[in-house]
Amino acid sequence: MTAAVVQVSDWRTINMYFAEFSRAEGEITYCATRADYDNRPEGSFGIFLSLEGHGELAGDLEALYTLSQLGVTTFTFSHNRQNLLCTGSNEPMEGGFSYLGKETLRELENVPMMIDLVHMSRASFWDALRYYDGDLFVSHSNADAICPHPRNLTDDQIKAVAERNGVVGLNTFRGYVSADPTKATLSDLLDHAMHMCELVGPEHISIGADYCESPVEMLIPVLDWIDPEGAHGIKGRARELYSSGPDGLEDPSRLSELATGLAERGLSPDEVDMICGGSYLRMLERARPSK
């Protein structure tokens, strides 16, 4: 791994990251553009910031411009539940975007950020396509055809993202890889990758690994909140589902196995490179051209 996208949700977290960047002494490079990534010091790990904009910053349209100037690359609208902007994927109803969400979409037409349609209901997803004309990003979802789940994308959704020059990131979370999360494997995630490749090609696929690097105890209330009735098989299963990734991809150090598996499934080196970062960087360059 040479870089990662990190989600931030409030000014406190943003401040913390910038403080860490200043103390990193070259070991970490903050990246706001592809050029920042390409020109980072040898051996330095790149960090891109993505805003989960459905929290305390929801509705602060002027903050979008400040965040963009700070180099935040992406705006995410939802985290599985209903919020001020749109309906999330885990809600029992198929509500779409609110008036405030639509206003935010329109404002983002003027801001050099990618919009991320992850975590949202399918009605919200299609609303976003109606109200926003730019490229689309879905940072960490899999194929519903392989593992049916509201957090995964239907074939029509995957094709719609590709038609907008967009990218879908493969998710390592066990619950979205296999219908039986306890038996999720690297091979299962490769099935998702190859299904998407057949639909839209590797240029529209990236890696949206969703590992928990913090103590799992911190995630227990979060997972219970996003699935309060246990309808999606997540409530009460934080330790079981998030302690490690699928067999063969247990933690980020194993991600090279995903690249190896893609090659073994018949993809060329250039196609593997596209999935392992190239497709994301191409989309980033369109959204935030290097100066």
Protein backbone atom coordinates (compact mmCIF):
# COMPACT_ATOMS: atom_id res chain seq x y z
CA MET A 1 0.00 0.00 0.00
CA THR A 2 1.23 3.46 -0.90
CA ALA A 3 -1.81 5.59 0.01
CA ALA A 4 -5.28 5.53 1.53
CA VAL A 5 -8.46 7.62 1.64
CA VAL A 6 -9.51 8.57 5.17
CA GLN A 7 -13.00 9.70 6.16
CA VAL A 8 -13.40 12.79 8.36
CA SER A 9 -16.68 14.13 9.68
CA ASP A 10 -16.03 17.28 11.74
CA TRP A 11 -13.54 20.07 12.26
CA ARG A 12 -12.03 18.35 15.32
CA THR A 13 -11.04 15.32 13.26
CA ILE A 14 -9.78 17.46 10.39
CA ASN A 15 -7.66 19.49 12.82
CA MET A 16 -6.25 16.27 14.28
CA TYR A 17 -5.16 15.00 10.87
CA PHE A 18 -3.49 18.25 9.88
CA ALA A 19 -1.60 18.21 13.19
CA GLU A 20 -0.44 14.66 12.45
CA PHE A 21 0.66 15.63 8.93
CA SER A 22 2.82 18.41 10.35
CA ARG A 23 4.49 15.99 12.78
CA ALA A 24 5.03 13.21 10.25
CA GLU A 25 8.50 14.37 9.14
CA GLY A 26 7.95 13.08 5.62
CA GLU A 27 6.63 9.66 6.55
CA ILE A 28 3.12 10.80 5.57
CA THR A 29 2.24 13.10 2.68
CA TYR A 30 -1.11 14.87 2.60
CA CYS A 31 -2.47 14.56 -0.93
CA ALA A 32 -5.07 16.90 -2.39
CA THR A 33 -4.32 16.06 -6.05
CA ARG A 34 -2.78 13.30 -8.09
CA ALA A 35 0.37 15.39 -8.45
CA ASP A 36 0.73 15.46 -4.65
CA TYR A 37 0.61 11.67 -4.67
CA ASP A 38 2.95 11.24 -7.64
CA ASN A 39 5.52 13.70 -6.22
CA ARG A 40 5.52 12.58 -2.58
CA PRO A 41 8.95 11.72 -1.09
CA GLU A 42 10.14 8.18 -1.73
CA GLY A 43 8.61 5.83 0.83
CA SER A 44 6.14 8.40 2.12
CA PHE A 45 2.57 7.16 2.62
CA GLY A 46 -0.11 9.30 0.96
CA ILE A 47 -3.32 10.31 2.73
CA PHE A 48 -6.39 11.70 0.95
CA LEU A 49 -9.25 13.15 3.02
CA SER A 50 -12.93 12.50 2.28
CA LEU A 51 -15.70 14.31 4.15
CA GLU A 52 -18.67 12.45 5.60
CA GLY A 53 -20.80 15.53 5.09
CA HIS A 54 -24.00 14.23 6.67
CA GLY A 55 -22.92 15.12 10.21
CA GLU A 56 -22.44 18.49 11.89
CA LEU A 57 -21.38 20.07 8.58
CA ALA A 58 -24.63 19.13 6.81
CA GLY A 59 -26.17 22.24 5.28
CA ASP A 60 -23.07 24.42 5.68
CA LEU A 61 -22.71 25.06 1.96
CA GLU A 62 -20.03 27.71 2.39
CA ALA A 63 -17.87 25.19 4.25
CA LEU A 64 -17.66 23.17 1.03
CA TYR A 65 -15.42 25.85 -0.45
CA THR A 66 -13.19 25.99 2.62
CA LEU A 67 -12.87 22.22 2.72
CA SER A 68 -12.05 22.12 -0.97
CA GLN A 69 -9.34 24.74 -0.48
CA LEU A 70 -7.94 22.59 2.33
CA GLY A 71 -7.67 19.74 -0.14
CA VAL A 72 -10.57 17.51 0.89
CA THR A 73 -11.24 15.41 -2.21
CA THR A 74 -14.65 13.83 -1.69
CA PHE A 75 -18.10 14.46 -0.17
CA THR A 76 -20.13 11.52 1.24
CA PHE A 77 -23.85 12.03 1.89
CA SER A 78 -24.88 9.15 4.10
CA HIS A 79 -23.89 6.50 6.61
CA ASN A 80 -26.64 3.90 6.20
CA ARG A 81 -29.35 5.75 8.16
CA GLN A 82 -31.67 8.67 7.43
CA ASN A 83 -30.06 12.09 7.86
CA LEU A 84 -30.66 15.70 6.87
CA LEU A 85 -29.48 15.10 3.29
CA CYS A 86 -30.85 11.74 2.18
CA THR A 87 -32.04 8.27 3.12
CA GLY A 88 -29.43 5.63 3.89
CA SER A 89 -29.27 2.05 2.68
CA ASN A 90 -30.38 0.46 5.95
CA GLU A 91 -33.65 2.36 6.36
CA PRO A 92 -36.88 0.35 5.90
CA MET A 93 -38.24 2.96 3.47
CA GLU A 94 -36.83 3.96 0.08
CA GLY A 95 -36.84 7.71 0.65
CA GLY A 96 -34.47 9.78 -1.49
CA PHE A 97 -32.84 13.20 -1.21
CA SER A 98 -34.23 15.99 0.94
CA TYR A 99 -34.45 19.58 -0.26
CA LEU A 100 -31.23 20.30 1.65
CA GLY A 101 -29.55 17.30 0.03
CA LYS A 102 -30.56 18.50 -3.43
CA GLU A 103 -29.27 21.98 -2.64
CA THR A 104 -25.96 20.45 -1.54
CA LEU A 105 -25.74 18.46 -4.77
CA ARG A 106 -26.29 21.62 -6.81
CA GLU A 107 -23.62 23.49 -4.84
CA LEU A 108 -21.14 20.67 -5.38
CA GLU A 109 -21.41 21.27 -9.13
CA ASN A 110 -19.26 24.36 -8.43
CA VAL A 111 -16.77 22.72 -6.07
CA PRO A 112 -13.83 20.52 -7.19
CA MET A 113 -14.80 17.52 -5.08
CA MET A 114 -15.89 14.05 -6.06
CA ILE A 115 -19.30 13.01 -4.74
CA ASP A 116 -19.51 9.62 -3.06
CA LEU A 117 -22.85 7.77 -3.25
CA VAL A 118 -21.89 5.03 -0.82
CA HIS A 119 -24.15 4.04 2.13
CA MET A 120 -27.31 5.50 0.57
CA SER A 121 -30.62 3.93 -0.39
CA ARG A 122 -31.24 3.07 -4.00
CA ALA A 123 -33.86 5.81 -4.25
CA SER A 124 -31.25 8.29 -3.00
CA PHE A 125 -28.74 6.94 -5.51
CA TRP A 126 -31.08 7.53 -8.45
CA ASP A 127 -32.03 10.94 -7.09
CA ALA A 128 -28.34 11.89 -7.12
CA LEU A 129 -28.10 10.97 -10.80
CA ARG A 130 -31.10 13.16 -11.57
CA TYR A 131 -29.85 16.21 -9.69
CA TYR A 132 -26.10 16.04 -10.32
CA ASP A 133 -24.36 16.03 -13.72
CA GLY A 134 -20.76 15.24 -12.80
CA ASP A 135 -18.68 12.10 -12.37
CA LEU A 136 -19.81 9.62 -9.71
CA PHE A 137 -17.88 7.70 -7.07
CA VAL A 138 -19.03 4.83 -4.83
CA SER A 139 -16.07 4.34 -2.53
CA HIS A 140 -16.74 0.96 -0.89
CA SER A 141 -19.58 -1.27 -2.11
CA ASN A 142 -19.80 -4.65 -3.79
CA ALA A 143 -22.08 -6.34 -6.32
CA ASP A 144 -25.61 -7.15 -5.19
CA ALA A 145 -25.71 -9.89 -7.84
CA ILE A 146 -22.99 -11.77 -5.93
CA CYS A 147 -24.06 -10.91 -2.36
CA PRO A 148 -27.56 -9.44 -2.09
CA HIS A 149 -27.50 -6.58 0.42
CA PRO A 150 -28.87 -3.00 0.43
CA ARG A 151 -25.30 -1.71 0.83
CA ASN A 152 -24.22 -3.38 -2.40
CA LEU A 153 -24.96 -2.10 -5.91
CA THR A 154 -27.27 -3.64 -8.48
CA ASP A 155 -25.97 -4.20 -11.98
CA ASP A 156 -27.96 -1.19 -13.18
CA GLN A 157 -26.31 1.00 -10.53
CA ILE A 158 -22.82 -0.23 -11.43
CA LYS A 159 -23.48 0.49 -15.11
CA ALA A 160 -24.86 3.95 -14.26
CA VAL A 161 -21.68 4.83 -12.33
CA ALA A 162 -19.53 3.70 -15.28
CA GLU A 163 -21.62 5.72 -17.74
CA ARG A 164 -20.73 8.80 -15.65
CA ASN A 165 -16.98 8.04 -15.84
CA GLY A 166 -17.19 6.83 -12.25
CA VAL A 167 -15.53 4.24 -10.04
CA VAL A 168 -16.80 1.63 -7.55
CA GLY A 169 -14.48 0.51 -4.74
CA LEU A 170 -14.47 -3.16 -3.69
CA ASN A 171 -15.34 -3.55 0.01
CA THR A 172 -13.59 -6.07 2.29
CA PHE A 173 -16.30 -6.00 5.01
CA ARG A 174 -17.41 -9.61 5.48
CA GLY A 175 -21.10 -8.73 5.59
CA TYR A 176 -20.98 -7.31 2.07
CA VAL A 177 -18.73 -10.00 0.57
CA SER A 178 -20.69 -13.17 1.29
CA ALA A 179 -24.26 -14.10 2.22
CA ASP A 180 -22.64 -16.02 5.10
CA PRO A 181 -20.19 -13.45 6.46
CA THR A 182 -18.44 -15.98 8.68
CA LYS A 183 -17.33 -17.85 5.55
CA ALA A 184 -16.32 -14.82 3.43
CA THR A 185 -13.08 -15.37 1.51
CA LEU A 186 -10.70 -13.64 -0.87
CA SER A 187 -12.18 -15.78 -3.64
CA ASP A 188 -15.63 -14.36 -2.87
CA LEU A 189 -14.36 -10.79 -3.21
CA LEU A 190 -12.65 -11.74 -6.47
CA ASP A 191 -16.07 -12.95 -7.69
CA HIS A 192 -17.38 -9.42 -7.06
CA ALA A 193 -14.42 -7.90 -8.90
CA MET A 194 -14.77 -10.15 -11.94
CA HIS A 195 -18.53 -9.58 -12.10
CA MET A 196 -17.95 -5.82 -12.18
CA CYS A 197 -15.17 -6.23 -14.74
CA GLU A 198 -17.52 -8.09 -17.05
CA LEU A 199 -20.15 -5.38 -16.62
CA VAL A 200 -18.08 -2.22 -16.97
CA GLY A 201 -14.36 -3.00 -17.21
CA PRO A 202 -11.49 -2.57 -14.69
CA GLU A 203 -11.20 1.16 -15.39
CA HIS A 204 -14.35 1.61 -13.29
CA ILE A 205 -13.22 -0.48 -10.30
CA SER A 206 -10.94 0.35 -7.36
CA ILE A 207 -10.23 -1.02 -3.89
CA GLY A 208 -12.41 0.44 -1.13
CA ALA A 209 -11.11 -1.74 1.70
CA ASP A 210 -13.07 -1.18 4.90
CA TYR A 211 -10.87 -2.50 7.70
CA CYS A 212 -11.19 -1.51 11.35
CA GLU A 213 -7.80 -0.36 12.60
CA SER A 214 -9.26 0.90 15.89
CA PRO A 215 -10.35 -1.35 18.79
CA VAL A 216 -13.49 -3.20 17.69
CA GLU A 217 -15.19 -2.06 20.90
CA MET A 218 -15.36 1.43 19.41
CA LEU A 219 -17.47 0.09 16.53
CA ILE A 220 -20.04 -1.82 18.58
CA PRO A 221 -22.35 1.19 19.16
CA VAL A 222 -21.87 2.35 15.56
CA LEU A 223 -22.88 -0.97 14.02
CA ASP A 224 -25.80 -1.30 16.43
CA TRP A 225 -26.93 2.21 15.44
CA ILE A 226 -26.86 1.55 11.70
CA ASP A 227 -28.84 -1.69 12.11
CA PRO A 228 -31.02 -1.09 15.19
CA GLU A 229 -33.49 -3.92 14.45
CA GLY A 230 -30.91 -6.41 13.21
CA ALA A 231 -32.58 -6.47 9.78
CA HIS A 232 -29.24 -6.44 7.95
CA GLY A 233 -27.33 -8.96 10.05
CA ILE A 234 -25.01 -6.39 11.62
CA LYS A 235 -26.42 -5.54 15.06
CA GLY A 236 -24.55 -7.29 17.86
CA ARG A 237 -21.96 -8.76 15.47
CA ALA A 238 -19.21 -6.11 15.49
CA ARG A 239 -16.53 -8.43 16.86
CA GLU A 240 -17.54 -11.27 14.57
CA LEU A 241 -17.69 -9.23 11.38
CA TYR A 242 -15.07 -6.51 11.86
CA SER A 243 -12.28 -8.25 13.78
CA SER A 244 -10.77 -9.29 10.46
CA GLY A 245 -11.44 -9.17 6.75
CA PRO A 246 -12.37 -12.17 4.61
CA ASP A 247 -10.19 -15.28 4.85
CA GLY A 248 -7.08 -14.50 2.84
CA LEU A 249 -7.58 -10.73 3.27
CA GLU A 250 -7.65 -10.55 7.05
CA ASP A 251 -5.93 -7.15 7.32
CA PRO A 252 -4.45 -4.45 5.06
CA SER A 253 -1.09 -6.21 4.90
CA ARG A 254 -2.79 -8.93 2.81
CA LEU A 255 -4.14 -6.63 0.09
CA SER A 256 -1.38 -7.70 -2.27
CA GLU A 257 -3.18 -11.07 -2.33
CA LEU A 258 -6.11 -9.31 -3.97
CA ALA A 259 -3.83 -8.06 -6.74
CA THR A 260 -2.39 -11.56 -7.15
CA GLY A 261 -5.87 -13.03 -7.29
CA LEU A 262 -6.97 -10.58 -9.97
CA ALA A 263 -4.00 -11.61 -12.10
CA GLU A 264 -4.79 -15.29 -11.53
CA ARG A 265 -8.34 -14.62 -12.72
CA GLY A 266 -6.92 -13.44 -16.05
CA LEU A 267 -6.48 -9.67 -15.74
CA SER A 268 -3.41 -8.09 -17.33
CA PRO A 269 -0.83 -6.18 -15.23
CA ASP A 270 -2.23 -2.89 -16.55
CA GLU A 271 -5.77 -3.93 -15.57
CA VAL A 272 -4.63 -4.96 -12.09
CA ASP A 273 -2.83 -1.63 -11.70
CA MET A 274 -6.01 0.16 -12.74
CA ILE A 275 -8.01 -1.52 -9.96
CA CYS A 276 -5.21 -1.06 -7.42
CA GLY A 277 -5.27 2.73 -7.61
CA GLY A 278 -5.12 3.84 -11.22
CA SER A 279 -8.86 4.23 -11.71
CA TYR A 280 -9.19 6.29 -8.51
CA LEU A 281 -6.28 8.55 -9.47
CA ARG A 282 -7.71 9.14 -12.96
CA MET A 283 -11.04 10.19 -11.47
CA LEU A 284 -9.31 12.41 -8.91
CA GLU A 285 -7.35 14.13 -11.70
CA ARG A 286 -10.59 14.98 -13.50
CA ALA A 287 -12.23 16.31 -10.33
CA ARG A 288 -9.16 18.16 -8.98
CA PRO A 289 -6.75 18.80 -11.89
CA SER A 290 -3.10 19.07 -10.87
CA LYS A 291 -1.72 22.58 -11.17
